[in-house]
């Protein structure tokens, strides 16, 4: 997941930020590095499970929905 806060000062960042508005840290390079690391995952099953875990951790889906979708993912190796 791409950070939405500056790694140096913790300030909130907009999606298209290239610099931190508070401390001036270059953000674009950090985001590009995170995207490259994320793209290392080549297995779609792993990627789907990571997305599901992230959505649950953020509270975007309920525990019941998480378990149901996890079960569905396990059917398709």
C-alpha atoms as a PDB file:
ATOM      1  CA  UNK A   1       0.000   0.000   0.000  1.00  0.00           C
ATOM      2  CA  UNK A   2       1.195   3.410  -0.876  1.00  0.00           C
ATOM      3  CA  UNK A   3       1.730   5.725   2.103  1.00  0.00           C
ATOM      4  CA  UNK A   4      -0.625   8.672   2.484  1.00  0.00           C
ATOM      5  CA  UNK A   5       1.662  10.325   5.036  1.00  0.00           C
ATOM      6  CA  UNK A   6       5.171  11.703   4.714  1.00  0.00           C
ATOM      7  CA  UNK A   7       7.754   9.231   6.002  1.00  0.00           C
ATOM      8  CA  UNK A   8       9.862  12.085   7.400  1.00  0.00           C
ATOM      9  CA  UNK A   9       7.369  14.332   9.242  1.00  0.00           C
ATOM     10  CA  UNK A  10       4.060  12.411   9.128  1.00  0.00           C
ATOM     11  CA  UNK A  11       2.107  15.141   7.303  1.00  0.00           C
ATOM     12  CA  UNK A  12      -0.930  14.113   5.240  1.00  0.00           C
ATOM     13  CA  UNK A  13      -0.209  13.841   1.505  1.00  0.00           C
ATOM     14  CA  UNK A  14      -2.482  14.169  -1.509  1.00  0.00           C
ATOM     15  CA  UNK A  15      -2.450  11.348  -4.064  1.00  0.00           C
ATOM     16  CA  UNK A  16      -0.482  13.359  -6.630  1.00  0.00           C
ATOM     17  CA  UNK A  17       2.058  14.829  -4.172  1.00  0.00           C
ATOM     18  CA  UNK A  18       5.633  15.062  -5.374  1.00  0.00           C
ATOM     19  CA  UNK A  19       6.845  16.912  -2.286  1.00  0.00           C
ATOM     20  CA  UNK A  20       5.658  17.062   1.315  1.00  0.00           C
ATOM     21  CA  UNK A  21       3.893  20.404   1.828  1.00  0.00           C
ATOM     22  CA  UNK A  22       5.259  20.649   5.391  1.00  0.00           C
ATOM     23  CA  UNK A  23       8.899  19.557   5.223  1.00  0.00           C
ATOM     24  CA  UNK A  24       9.656  19.490   1.484  1.00  0.00           C
ATOM     25  CA  UNK A  25      10.682  15.817   1.325  1.00  0.00           C
ATOM     26  CA  UNK A  26      10.536  14.386  -2.210  1.00  0.00           C
ATOM     27  CA  UNK A  27       7.616  11.937  -2.228  1.00  0.00           C
ATOM     28  CA  UNK A  28       7.416  10.792  -5.851  1.00  0.00           C
ATOM     29  CA  UNK A  29      10.599   8.689  -5.563  1.00  0.00           C
ATOM     30  CA  UNK A  30       9.290   6.937  -2.445  1.00  0.00           C
ATOM     31  CA  UNK A  31       5.961   6.194  -4.134  1.00  0.00           C
ATOM     32  CA  UNK A  32       7.683   4.847  -7.264  1.00  0.00           C
ATOM     33  CA  UNK A  33       9.831   2.547  -5.108  1.00  0.00           C
ATOM     34  CA  UNK A  34       6.760   1.261  -3.278  1.00  0.00           C
ATOM     35  CA  UNK A  35       4.969   0.605  -6.575  1.00  0.00           C
ATOM     36  CA  UNK A  36       7.972  -1.329  -7.874  1.00  0.00           C
ATOM     37  CA  UNK A  37       8.068  -3.456  -4.710  1.00  0.00           C
ATOM     38  CA  UNK A  38       4.331  -4.096  -5.006  1.00  0.00           C
ATOM     39  CA  UNK A  39       4.698  -5.152  -8.658  1.00  0.00           C
ATOM     40  CA  UNK A  40       7.113  -7.892  -7.599  1.00  0.00           C
ATOM     41  CA  UNK A  41       4.064  -9.916  -6.594  1.00  0.00           C
ATOM     42  CA  UNK A  42       3.317 -11.841  -9.756  1.00  0.00           C
ATOM     43  CA  UNK A  43       0.829 -14.319  -8.371  1.00  0.00           C
ATOM     44  CA  UNK A  44      -2.714 -12.919  -8.802  1.00  0.00           C
ATOM     45  CA  UNK A  45      -3.934 -15.092  -5.914  1.00  0.00           C
ATOM     46  CA  UNK A  46      -1.408 -13.490  -3.544  1.00  0.00           C
ATOM     47  CA  UNK A  47      -2.307 -10.035  -4.799  1.00  0.00           C
ATOM     48  CA  UNK A  48      -6.031 -10.667  -4.299  1.00  0.00           C
ATOM     49  CA  UNK A  49      -5.441 -11.908  -0.753  1.00  0.00           C
ATOM     50  CA  UNK A  50      -3.286  -8.859   0.035  1.00  0.00           C
ATOM     51  CA  UNK A  51      -6.005  -6.526  -1.238  1.00  0.00           C
ATOM     52  CA  UNK A  52      -8.622  -8.368   0.799  1.00  0.00           C
ATOM     53  CA  UNK A  53      -6.489  -8.170   3.963  1.00  0.00           C
ATOM     54  CA  UNK A  54      -5.862  -4.477   3.419  1.00  0.00           C
ATOM     55  CA  UNK A  55      -9.545  -3.690   2.894  1.00  0.00           C
ATOM     56  CA  UNK A  56     -10.420  -5.580   6.086  1.00  0.00           C
ATOM     57  CA  UNK A  57      -7.653  -3.855   8.075  1.00  0.00           C
ATOM     58  CA  UNK A  58      -8.893  -0.448   6.901  1.00  0.00           C
ATOM     59  CA  UNK A  59     -12.443  -1.312   7.935  1.00  0.00           C
ATOM     60  CA  UNK A  60     -13.751  -1.166   4.369  1.00  0.00           C
ATOM     61  CA  UNK A  61     -15.319  -4.625   4.715  1.00  0.00           C
ATOM     62  CA  UNK A  62     -16.768  -6.454   7.705  1.00  0.00           C
ATOM     63  CA  UNK A  63     -15.293  -9.590   9.264  1.00  0.00           C
ATOM     64  CA  UNK A  64     -18.166 -11.597   7.786  1.00  0.00           C
ATOM     65  CA  UNK A  65     -17.473 -10.242   4.283  1.00  0.00           C
ATOM     66  CA  UNK A  66     -13.745 -10.870   4.756  1.00  0.00           C
ATOM     67  CA  UNK A  67     -14.273 -14.520   5.691  1.00  0.00           C
ATOM     68  CA  UNK A  68     -16.732 -15.066   2.828  1.00  0.00           C
ATOM     69  CA  UNK A  69     -14.402 -13.550   0.223  1.00  0.00           C
ATOM     70  CA  UNK A  70     -11.381 -15.367   1.656  1.00  0.00           C
ATOM     71  CA  UNK A  71     -13.223 -18.656   1.282  1.00  0.00           C
ATOM     72  CA  UNK A  72     -14.025 -17.834  -2.341  1.00  0.00           C
ATOM     73  CA  UNK A  73     -10.385 -16.995  -3.064  1.00  0.00           C
ATOM     74  CA  UNK A  74      -9.231 -20.307  -1.587  1.00  0.00           C
ATOM     75  CA  UNK A  75     -11.386 -22.190  -4.134  1.00  0.00           C
ATOM     76  CA  UNK A  76      -9.336 -20.782  -7.004  1.00  0.00           C
ATOM     77  CA  UNK A  77      -5.641 -21.632  -6.681  1.00  0.00           C
END
